[in-house]
Structures are given as C-alpha cells and as structure tokens.
C-alpha cells in the first residue's frame, strides 16, 4: 500500500512541478516582451520630443524671417508714401490733392492703386512719377498682406502638428504607464513562481528518493546460481561440523 501511495504522490508532484515550470516560463516571456515594448515606447517618445523641438525651432526661424521681411516692406512702404506726399505737395503748390473717391474705391477693390485727380497744378511728368510710385506702394502693401497671410497659415499648420503630436504623446505615455504596471505585477508573480517551482522540485526529489528506498526494501533480491551453491555449501559444512561434534560427544 505504501509503495502504491508513494507512486501516486510522485505523479502528483511531477504534474505540479511541470505546471509551475510552464507558468514561470510563460510569465518570464511576458515580462521580457513587455520590457521590449517599453523600451520601444521610450525611444518613440524620445523621437517625438526631438521632432517637436525641431518643428518649434523651424517655426521660430520662419516667423523671424517673415517678421524681418515684413519690417523691410513696411520701411519701404513708408518711404514710398513719404515720396508720394512730397511730390503731391510739390506739384500741387501746397493746394490739396483731390481724390475721385468712387473710382479710387473701385480700383482698390480690384487690387490697383487709387486714382488721384491732380488737377491743372500737376504736370504730366509729375503725374506719371506719382502713378508709378503708387503702383510700387500697392505692391508693397500686397506683399505685406501676403506675408501676414503666409505667417498665419504657417502658424496654424504648426499648431495643428503640435496638437497631433500632443495627442500621440499622451497615448504613448498612457501605454507606458499601463505596461509598466503590468510588467511590475508579472515580475512579482514570476518571483513567487520561482519560489514555488523550487519548492515543488524539492518535494519531487524527496518523493523520488523515498520511492527508490521503498522499492529497494520491497523488491526481493534474486540470488544467482553461484550464490545459491555457496549458500548450500556453507549449510552443508555447518551440518557436517555439527555431526562431528555429536559423534565426539
């Protein structure tokens, strides 16, 4: 009965040891996979931060270029306007310049310079110069408006990219937090499984050793032919010795 019970116990210990080892291997593999994913996420976050920094630097440089170009145009526009005023004052001999408001508004809406009615006081040559300067003035104003529009569009694109990057960053950081918690819990489980696996292995070895002793005790030893003959010879010698003693007596 003891031998049968011990064999049954041995089977249970073997199954338990296998289950513990399999669980430990699975948990260890999951931890390793999570650590690889966390390393990949960390690299992705670092690349994202680097990309944001480069985008910010590019946008700042672009804005500075737009600002410098706008200031240059503004300075040029001021100079042209000053020249136009001086010419108007000169050719009108300090008399006010008359503007055809209706025609000027129509031309301005079409992107052209306003019409100036210089009257008889302005010479043909002077009117031509002033008209040319007014075209330059209109070009300066249009270029300034274009620069402002380009800068606004660039800023809108930049803010959109940064918002998208912010969303991606938040998702990855949440993923890092989740995976870190999961990896920590699995590592704790792996530590417990290592202890359980070692204990199960010790119990298995103890049962195996005990079963071996039982088998040795319970299994009859089969004698060889030589051993039987030697044993019989020894018994014969003993009987002869006893017979000799009896005869002497």
C-alpha atoms as a PDB file:
ATOM      1  CA  UNK A   1       0.000   0.000   0.000  1.00  0.00           C
ATOM      2  CA  UNK A   2       2.796   2.379   0.935  1.00  0.00           C
ATOM      3  CA  UNK A   3       4.516   1.784  -2.385  1.00  0.00           C
ATOM      4  CA  UNK A   4       1.294   2.436  -4.322  1.00  0.00           C
ATOM      5  CA  UNK A   5       0.554   5.626  -2.376  1.00  0.00           C
ATOM      6  CA  UNK A   6       4.095   6.886  -2.882  1.00  0.00           C
ATOM      7  CA  UNK A   7       3.879   6.293  -6.642  1.00  0.00           C
ATOM      8  CA  UNK A   8       0.615   8.252  -6.759  1.00  0.00           C
ATOM      9  CA  UNK A   9       2.192  11.077  -4.776  1.00  0.00           C
ATOM     10  CA  UNK A  10       5.169  11.074  -7.134  1.00  0.00           C
ATOM     11  CA  UNK A  11       2.858  11.534 -10.136  1.00  0.00           C
ATOM     12  CA  UNK A  12       1.122  14.442  -8.438  1.00  0.00           C
ATOM     13  CA  UNK A  13       4.435  16.103  -7.622  1.00  0.00           C
ATOM     14  CA  UNK A  14       5.664  15.660 -11.189  1.00  0.00           C
ATOM     15  CA  UNK A  15       2.485  17.249 -12.582  1.00  0.00           C
ATOM     16  CA  UNK A  16       2.703  20.121 -10.127  1.00  0.00           C
ATOM     17  CA  UNK A  17       6.367  20.704 -10.926  1.00  0.00           C
ATOM     18  CA  UNK A  18       5.616  20.785 -14.663  1.00  0.00           C
ATOM     19  CA  UNK A  19       2.755  23.258 -14.158  1.00  0.00           C
ATOM     20  CA  UNK A  20       4.909  25.555 -12.061  1.00  0.00           C
ATOM     21  CA  UNK A  21       7.759  25.484 -14.576  1.00  0.00           C
ATOM     22  CA  UNK A  22       5.391  26.159 -17.503  1.00  0.00           C
ATOM     23  CA  UNK A  23       3.757  29.061 -15.650  1.00  0.00           C
ATOM     24  CA  UNK A  24       7.169  30.509 -14.776  1.00  0.00           C
ATOM     25  CA  UNK A  25       8.395  30.265 -18.371  1.00  0.00           C
ATOM     26  CA  UNK A  26       5.228  31.931 -19.679  1.00  0.00           C
ATOM     27  CA  UNK A  27       5.373  34.737 -17.123  1.00  0.00           C
ATOM     28  CA  UNK A  28       9.072  35.338 -17.769  1.00  0.00           C
ATOM     29  CA  UNK A  29       8.432  35.514 -21.524  1.00  0.00           C
ATOM     30  CA  UNK A  30       5.596  38.000 -20.994  1.00  0.00           C
ATOM     31  CA  UNK A  31       7.795  40.194 -18.817  1.00  0.00           C
ATOM     32  CA  UNK A  32      10.555  40.165 -21.431  1.00  0.00           C
ATOM     33  CA  UNK A  33       8.061  41.101 -24.156  1.00  0.00           C
ATOM     34  CA  UNK A  34       6.664  43.969 -22.082  1.00  0.00           C
ATOM     35  CA  UNK A  35      10.151  45.278 -21.343  1.00  0.00           C
ATOM     36  CA  UNK A  36      10.943  45.273 -25.065  1.00  0.00           C
ATOM     37  CA  UNK A  37       7.723  47.171 -25.777  1.00  0.00           C
ATOM     38  CA  UNK A  38       8.524  49.694 -23.043  1.00  0.00           C
ATOM     39  CA  UNK A  39      11.990  50.251 -24.486  1.00  0.00           C
ATOM     40  CA  UNK A  40      10.429  50.795 -27.918  1.00  0.00           C
ATOM     41  CA  UNK A  41       7.886  53.253 -26.484  1.00  0.00           C
ATOM     42  CA  UNK A  42      10.638  55.144 -24.682  1.00  0.00           C
ATOM     43  CA  UNK A  43      12.527  55.510 -27.969  1.00  0.00           C
ATOM     44  CA  UNK A  44       9.368  56.638 -29.763  1.00  0.00           C
ATOM     45  CA  UNK A  45       8.714  59.280 -27.084  1.00  0.00           C
ATOM     46  CA  UNK A  46      12.290  60.492 -27.358  1.00  0.00           C
ATOM     47  CA  UNK A  47      11.957  60.732 -31.155  1.00  0.00           C
ATOM     48  CA  UNK A  48       8.661  62.577 -30.733  1.00  0.00           C
ATOM     49  CA  UNK A  49      10.219  65.098 -28.355  1.00  0.00           C
ATOM     50  CA  UNK A  50      13.108  65.611 -30.773  1.00  0.00           C
ATOM     51  CA  UNK A  51      10.664  66.144 -33.644  1.00  0.00           C
ATOM     52  CA  UNK A  52       8.684  68.691 -31.613  1.00  0.00           C
ATOM     53  CA  UNK A  53      11.861  70.591 -30.786  1.00  0.00           C
ATOM     54  CA  UNK A  54      12.931  70.697 -34.432  1.00  0.00           C
ATOM     55  CA  UNK A  55       9.464  71.812 -35.549  1.00  0.00           C
ATOM     56  CA  UNK A  56       9.482  74.571 -32.936  1.00  0.00           C
ATOM     57  CA  UNK A  57      12.931  75.777 -33.993  1.00  0.00           C
ATOM     58  CA  UNK A  58      11.913  75.756 -37.670  1.00  0.00           C
ATOM     59  CA  UNK A  59       8.720  77.684 -36.906  1.00  0.00           C
ATOM     60  CA  UNK A  60      10.592  80.274 -34.856  1.00  0.00           C
ATOM     61  CA  UNK A  61      13.145  80.769 -37.626  1.00  0.00           C
ATOM     62  CA  UNK A  62      10.368  81.008 -40.234  1.00  0.00           C
ATOM     63  CA  UNK A  63       8.474  83.581 -38.138  1.00  0.00           C
ATOM     64  CA  UNK A  64      11.624  85.637 -37.686  1.00  0.00           C
ATOM     65  CA  UNK A  65      12.162  85.631 -41.454  1.00  0.00           C
ATOM     66  CA  UNK A  66       8.574  86.739 -42.059  1.00  0.00           C
ATOM     67  CA  UNK A  67       8.875  89.448 -39.413  1.00  0.00           C
ATOM     68  CA  UNK A  68      12.137  90.752 -40.884  1.00  0.00           C
ATOM     69  CA  UNK A  69      10.710  90.740 -44.414  1.00  0.00           C
ATOM     70  CA  UNK A  70       7.537  92.499 -43.202  1.00  0.00           C
ATOM     71  CA  UNK A  71       9.567  95.171 -41.427  1.00  0.00           C
ATOM     72  CA  UNK A  72      11.643  95.740 -44.559  1.00  0.00           C
ATOM     73  CA  UNK A  73       8.490  96.077 -46.657  1.00  0.00           C
ATOM     74  CA  UNK A  74       6.946  98.343 -44.054  1.00  0.00           C
ATOM     75  CA  UNK A  75      10.021 100.546 -44.133  1.00  0.00           C
ATOM     76  CA  UNK A  76       9.943 100.637 -47.930  1.00  0.00           C
ATOM     77  CA  UNK A  77       6.244 101.401 -47.931  1.00  0.00           C
ATOM     78  CA  UNK A  78       6.803 104.277 -45.559  1.00  0.00           C
ATOM     79  CA  UNK A  79       9.493 105.681 -47.821  1.00  0.00           C
ATOM     80  CA  UNK A  80       7.268 105.426 -50.913  1.00  0.00           C
ATOM     81  CA  UNK A  81       4.354 107.071 -49.135  1.00  0.00           C
ATOM     82  CA  UNK A  82       6.609 109.881 -47.973  1.00  0.00           C
ATOM     83  CA  UNK A  83       7.847 110.377 -51.533  1.00  0.00           C
ATOM     84  CA  UNK A  84       4.305 110.408 -52.929  1.00  0.00           C
ATOM     85  CA  UNK A  85       3.236 113.001 -50.370  1.00  0.00           C
ATOM     86  CA  UNK A  86       6.222 115.174 -51.117  1.00  0.00           C
ATOM     87  CA  UNK A  87       5.593 115.029 -54.873  1.00  0.00           C
ATOM     88  CA  UNK A  88       1.923 115.766 -54.430  1.00  0.00           C
ATOM     89  CA  UNK A  89       2.700 118.726 -52.237  1.00  0.00           C
ATOM     90  CA  UNK A  90       5.304 119.973 -54.712  1.00  0.00           C
ATOM     91  CA  UNK A  91       3.199 119.685 -57.832  1.00  0.00           C
ATOM     92  CA  UNK A  92       0.020 120.993 -56.233  1.00  0.00           C
ATOM     93  CA  UNK A  93       1.913 124.002 -54.832  1.00  0.00           C
ATOM     94  CA  UNK A  94       0.564 123.351 -51.353  1.00  0.00           C
ATOM     95  CA  UNK A  95      -3.007 123.007 -52.608  1.00  0.00           C
ATOM     96  CA  UNK A  96      -4.912 119.914 -51.535  1.00  0.00           C
ATOM     97  CA  UNK A  97      -4.986 116.989 -53.886  1.00  0.00           C
ATOM     98  CA  UNK A  98      -8.461 115.962 -54.991  1.00  0.00           C
ATOM     99  CA  UNK A  99      -9.310 112.276 -54.942  1.00  0.00           C
ATOM    100  CA  UNK A 100     -12.015 110.650 -57.017  1.00  0.00           C
ATOM    101  CA  UNK A 101     -13.349 108.546 -54.102  1.00  0.00           C
ATOM    102  CA  UNK A 102     -15.747 106.363 -56.087  1.00  0.00           C
ATOM    103  CA  UNK A 103     -13.148 105.482 -58.706  1.00  0.00           C
ATOM    104  CA  UNK A 104     -10.436 105.007 -56.061  1.00  0.00           C
ATOM    105  CA  UNK A 105     -12.563 102.529 -54.080  1.00  0.00           C
ATOM    106  CA  UNK A 106     -13.298 100.537 -57.226  1.00  0.00           C
ATOM    107  CA  UNK A 107      -9.598 100.380 -58.133  1.00  0.00           C
ATOM    108  CA  UNK A 108      -8.618  99.424 -54.583  1.00  0.00           C
ATOM    109  CA  UNK A 109     -11.113  96.561 -54.614  1.00  0.00           C
ATOM    110  CA  UNK A 110      -9.507  95.375 -57.848  1.00  0.00           C
ATOM    111  CA  UNK A 111      -6.039  95.480 -56.232  1.00  0.00           C
ATOM    112  CA  UNK A 112      -4.854  98.601 -58.075  1.00  0.00           C
ATOM    113  CA  UNK A 113      -3.695 101.985 -56.820  1.00  0.00           C
ATOM    114  CA  UNK A 114      -6.273 104.721 -56.182  1.00  0.00           C
ATOM    115  CA  UNK A 115      -6.848 107.327 -58.820  1.00  0.00           C
ATOM    116  CA  UNK A 116      -5.642 110.806 -57.949  1.00  0.00           C
ATOM    117  CA  UNK A 117      -7.110 113.872 -59.589  1.00  0.00           C
ATOM    118  CA  UNK A 118      -4.114 116.215 -59.582  1.00  0.00           C
ATOM    119  CA  UNK A 119      -5.897 118.972 -61.361  1.00  0.00           C
ATOM    120  CA  UNK A 120      -4.220 121.512 -63.558  1.00  0.00           C
ATOM    121  CA  UNK A 121      -1.450 122.127 -60.987  1.00  0.00           C
ATOM    122  CA  UNK A 122       0.303 118.810 -61.605  1.00  0.00           C
ATOM    123  CA  UNK A 123       2.338 118.358 -64.716  1.00  0.00           C
ATOM    124  CA  UNK A 124       2.112 115.284 -66.881  1.00  0.00           C
ATOM    125  CA  UNK A 125       5.617 114.174 -65.865  1.00  0.00           C
ATOM    126  CA  UNK A 126       4.840 114.575 -62.176  1.00  0.00           C
ATOM    127  CA  UNK A 127       1.602 112.639 -62.500  1.00  0.00           C
ATOM    128  CA  UNK A 128       3.480 109.799 -64.189  1.00  0.00           C
ATOM    129  CA  UNK A 129       6.035 109.582 -61.393  1.00  0.00           C
ATOM    130  CA  UNK A 130       3.365 109.665 -58.742  1.00  0.00           C
ATOM    131  CA  UNK A 131       1.370 106.950 -60.560  1.00  0.00           C
ATOM    132  CA  UNK A 132       4.479 104.782 -60.722  1.00  0.00           C
ATOM    133  CA  UNK A 133       5.109 105.261 -57.012  1.00  0.00           C
ATOM    134  CA  UNK A 134       1.504 104.429 -56.284  1.00  0.00           C
ATOM    135  CA  UNK A 135       1.947 101.124 -58.142  1.00  0.00           C
ATOM    136  CA  UNK A 136       5.029 100.443 -56.008  1.00  0.00           C
ATOM    137  CA  UNK A 137       3.035 101.399 -52.916  1.00  0.00           C
ATOM    138  CA  UNK A 138       0.305  98.939 -53.886  1.00  0.00           C
ATOM    139  CA  UNK A 139       2.893  96.192 -54.462  1.00  0.00           C
ATOM    140  CA  UNK A 140       4.429  96.819 -51.042  1.00  0.00           C
ATOM    141  CA  UNK A 141       1.009  96.674 -49.391  1.00  0.00           C
ATOM    142  CA  UNK A 142       0.063  93.485 -51.234  1.00  0.00           C
ATOM    143  CA  UNK A 143       3.362  91.807 -50.361  1.00  0.00           C
ATOM    144  CA  UNK A 144       2.910  92.756 -46.710  1.00  0.00           C
ATOM    145  CA  UNK A 145      -0.584  91.263 -46.701  1.00  0.00           C
ATOM    146  CA  UNK A 146       0.752  88.106 -48.374  1.00  0.00           C
ATOM    147  CA  UNK A 147       3.498  87.791 -45.761  1.00  0.00           C
ATOM    148  CA  UNK A 148       0.975  88.133 -42.950  1.00  0.00           C
ATOM    149  CA  UNK A 149      -1.243  85.505 -44.554  1.00  0.00           C
ATOM    150  CA  UNK A 150       1.699  83.118 -45.047  1.00  0.00           C
ATOM    151  CA  UNK A 151       2.798  83.580 -41.466  1.00  0.00           C
ATOM    152  CA  UNK A 152      -0.723  82.936 -40.139  1.00  0.00           C
ATOM    153  CA  UNK A 153      -1.052  79.796 -42.278  1.00  0.00           C
ATOM    154  CA  UNK A 154       2.350  78.566 -41.154  1.00  0.00           C
ATOM    155  CA  UNK A 155       1.399  79.161 -37.514  1.00  0.00           C
ATOM    156  CA  UNK A 156      -1.911  77.325 -37.965  1.00  0.00           C
ATOM    157  CA  UNK A 157      -0.110  74.344 -39.535  1.00  0.00           C
ATOM    158  CA  UNK A 158       2.464  74.369 -36.756  1.00  0.00           C
ATOM    159  CA  UNK A 159      -0.190  74.425 -34.032  1.00  0.00           C
ATOM    160  CA  UNK A 160      -2.081  71.591 -35.739  1.00  0.00           C
ATOM    161  CA  UNK A 161       1.069  69.454 -35.925  1.00  0.00           C
ATOM    162  CA  UNK A 162       1.894  70.175 -32.304  1.00  0.00           C
ATOM    163  CA  UNK A 163      -1.654  69.265 -31.232  1.00  0.00           C
ATOM    164  CA  UNK A 164      -1.456  65.974 -33.139  1.00  0.00           C
ATOM    165  CA  UNK A 165       1.931  65.297 -31.549  1.00  0.00           C
ATOM    166  CA  UNK A 166       0.458  66.081 -28.127  1.00  0.00           C
ATOM    167  CA  UNK A 167      -2.323  63.525 -28.656  1.00  0.00           C
ATOM    168  CA  UNK A 168       0.140  60.840 -29.804  1.00  0.00           C
ATOM    169  CA  UNK A 169       2.415  61.628 -26.856  1.00  0.00           C
ATOM    170  CA  UNK A 170      -0.475  61.298 -24.378  1.00  0.00           C
ATOM    171  CA  UNK A 171      -1.444  57.938 -25.889  1.00  0.00           C
ATOM    172  CA  UNK A 172       2.096  56.602 -25.687  1.00  0.00           C
ATOM    173  CA  UNK A 173       2.579  57.849 -22.117  1.00  0.00           C
ATOM    174  CA  UNK A 174      -0.671  56.151 -21.086  1.00  0.00           C
ATOM    175  CA  UNK A 175       0.549  52.967 -22.798  1.00  0.00           C
ATOM    176  CA  UNK A 176       3.845  53.206 -20.920  1.00  0.00           C
ATOM    177  CA  UNK A 177       2.033  53.596 -17.605  1.00  0.00           C
ATOM    178  CA  UNK A 178      -0.231  50.612 -18.303  1.00  0.00           C
ATOM    179  CA  UNK A 179       2.588  48.335 -19.491  1.00  0.00           C
ATOM    180  CA  UNK A 180       4.849  49.336 -16.598  1.00  0.00           C
ATOM    181  CA  UNK A 181       2.153  48.373 -14.089  1.00  0.00           C
ATOM    182  CA  UNK A 182       1.529  45.110 -15.928  1.00  0.00           C
ATOM    183  CA  UNK A 183       5.245  44.269 -16.079  1.00  0.00           C
ATOM    184  CA  UNK A 184       5.682  45.037 -12.361  1.00  0.00           C
ATOM    185  CA  UNK A 185       2.805  42.736 -11.433  1.00  0.00           C
ATOM    186  CA  UNK A 186       4.120  39.967 -13.696  1.00  0.00           C
ATOM    187  CA  UNK A 187       7.617  40.270 -12.229  1.00  0.00           C
ATOM    188  CA  UNK A 188       6.122  39.907  -8.758  1.00  0.00           C
ATOM    189  CA  UNK A 189       4.273  36.802  -9.939  1.00  0.00           C
ATOM    190  CA  UNK A 190       7.456  35.449 -11.521  1.00  0.00           C
ATOM    191  CA  UNK A 191       9.302  35.833  -8.211  1.00  0.00           C
ATOM    192  CA  UNK A 192       6.580  33.885  -6.426  1.00  0.00           C
ATOM    193  CA  UNK A 193       6.563  31.235  -9.153  1.00  0.00           C
ATOM    194  CA  UNK A 194      10.344  30.773  -8.862  1.00  0.00           C
ATOM    195  CA  UNK A 195       9.941  30.069  -5.169  1.00  0.00           C
ATOM    196  CA  UNK A 196       7.001  27.716  -5.797  1.00  0.00           C
ATOM    197  CA  UNK A 197       8.874  25.927  -8.589  1.00  0.00           C
ATOM    198  CA  UNK A 198      11.929  25.401  -6.390  1.00  0.00           C
ATOM    199  CA  UNK A 199       9.719  24.070  -3.577  1.00  0.00           C
ATOM    200  CA  UNK A 200       7.863  21.744  -5.961  1.00  0.00           C
ATOM    201  CA  UNK A 201      11.168  20.446  -7.304  1.00  0.00           C
ATOM    202  CA  UNK A 202      12.450  19.745  -3.778  1.00  0.00           C
ATOM    203  CA  UNK A 203       9.257  17.858  -2.926  1.00  0.00           C
ATOM    204  CA  UNK A 204       9.534  15.868  -6.156  1.00  0.00           C
ATOM    205  CA  UNK A 205      13.131  14.924  -5.403  1.00  0.00           C
ATOM    206  CA  UNK A 206      12.193  13.890  -1.853  1.00  0.00           C
ATOM    207  CA  UNK A 207       9.353  11.651  -3.049  1.00  0.00           C
ATOM    208  CA  UNK A 208      11.574  10.180  -5.771  1.00  0.00           C
ATOM    209  CA  UNK A 209      14.260   9.335  -3.213  1.00  0.00           C
ATOM    210  CA  UNK A 210      11.716   7.828  -0.810  1.00  0.00           C
ATOM    211  CA  UNK A 211      10.187   5.727  -3.577  1.00  0.00           C
ATOM    212  CA  UNK A 212      13.596   4.384  -4.517  1.00  0.00           C
ATOM    213  CA  UNK A 213      14.174   3.262  -0.927  1.00  0.00           C
ATOM    214  CA  UNK A 214      10.769   1.607  -0.795  1.00  0.00           C
ATOM    215  CA  UNK A 215      11.448  -0.291  -3.977  1.00  0.00           C
ATOM    216  CA  UNK A 216      14.751  -1.461  -2.618  1.00  0.00           C
ATOM    217  CA  UNK A 217      13.099  -2.681   0.569  1.00  0.00           C
ATOM    218  CA  UNK A 218      10.035  -4.222  -1.049  1.00  0.00           C
ATOM    219  CA  UNK A 219      11.636  -5.901  -4.023  1.00  0.00           C
ATOM    220  CA  UNK A 220      13.036  -9.380  -3.269  1.00  0.00           C
ATOM    221  CA  UNK A 221      16.631  -9.875  -4.230  1.00  0.00           C
ATOM    222  CA  UNK A 222      17.079 -12.668  -6.786  1.00  0.00           C
ATOM    223  CA  UNK A 223      20.065 -14.892  -5.934  1.00  0.00           C
ATOM    224  CA  UNK A 224      22.434 -16.067  -8.618  1.00  0.00           C
ATOM    225  CA  UNK A 225      23.340 -19.738  -9.125  1.00  0.00           C
ATOM    226  CA  UNK A 226      26.787 -19.235  -7.606  1.00  0.00           C
ATOM    227  CA  UNK A 227      25.297 -17.533  -4.565  1.00  0.00           C
ATOM    228  CA  UNK A 228      22.834 -20.403  -4.069  1.00  0.00           C
ATOM    229  CA  UNK A 229      25.613 -23.016  -4.380  1.00  0.00           C
ATOM    230  CA  UNK A 230      27.838 -21.134  -1.973  1.00  0.00           C
ATOM    231  CA  UNK A 231      24.992 -20.806   0.497  1.00  0.00           C
ATOM    232  CA  UNK A 232      24.193 -24.502   0.239  1.00  0.00           C
ATOM    233  CA  UNK A 233      27.856 -25.410   0.635  1.00  0.00           C
ATOM    234  CA  UNK A 234      28.004 -23.326   3.745  1.00  0.00           C
ATOM    235  CA  UNK A 235      24.926 -25.047   5.130  1.00  0.00           C
ATOM    236  CA  UNK A 236      26.479 -28.491   4.388  1.00  0.00           C
ATOM    237  CA  UNK A 237      29.664 -27.533   6.137  1.00  0.00           C
ATOM    238  CA  UNK A 238      27.676 -26.400   9.131  1.00  0.00           C
ATOM    239  CA  UNK A 239      25.791 -29.677   9.269  1.00  0.00           C
ATOM    240  CA  UNK A 240      28.979 -31.713   8.986  1.00  0.00           C
ATOM    241  CA  UNK A 241      30.569 -29.760  11.777  1.00  0.00           C
ATOM    242  CA  UNK A 242      27.529 -30.334  13.950  1.00  0.00           C
ATOM    243  CA  UNK A 243      27.611 -34.065  13.139  1.00  0.00           C
ATOM    244  CA  UNK A 244      31.289 -34.286  14.113  1.00  0.00           C
ATOM    245  CA  UNK A 245      30.544 -32.637  17.428  1.00  0.00           C
ATOM    246  CA  UNK A 246      27.733 -35.078  18.133  1.00  0.00           C
ATOM    247  CA  UNK A 247      29.953 -38.082  17.269  1.00  0.00           C
ATOM    248  CA  UNK A 248      32.703 -36.808  19.563  1.00  0.00           C
ATOM    249  CA  UNK A 249      30.214 -36.443  22.352  1.00  0.00           C
END
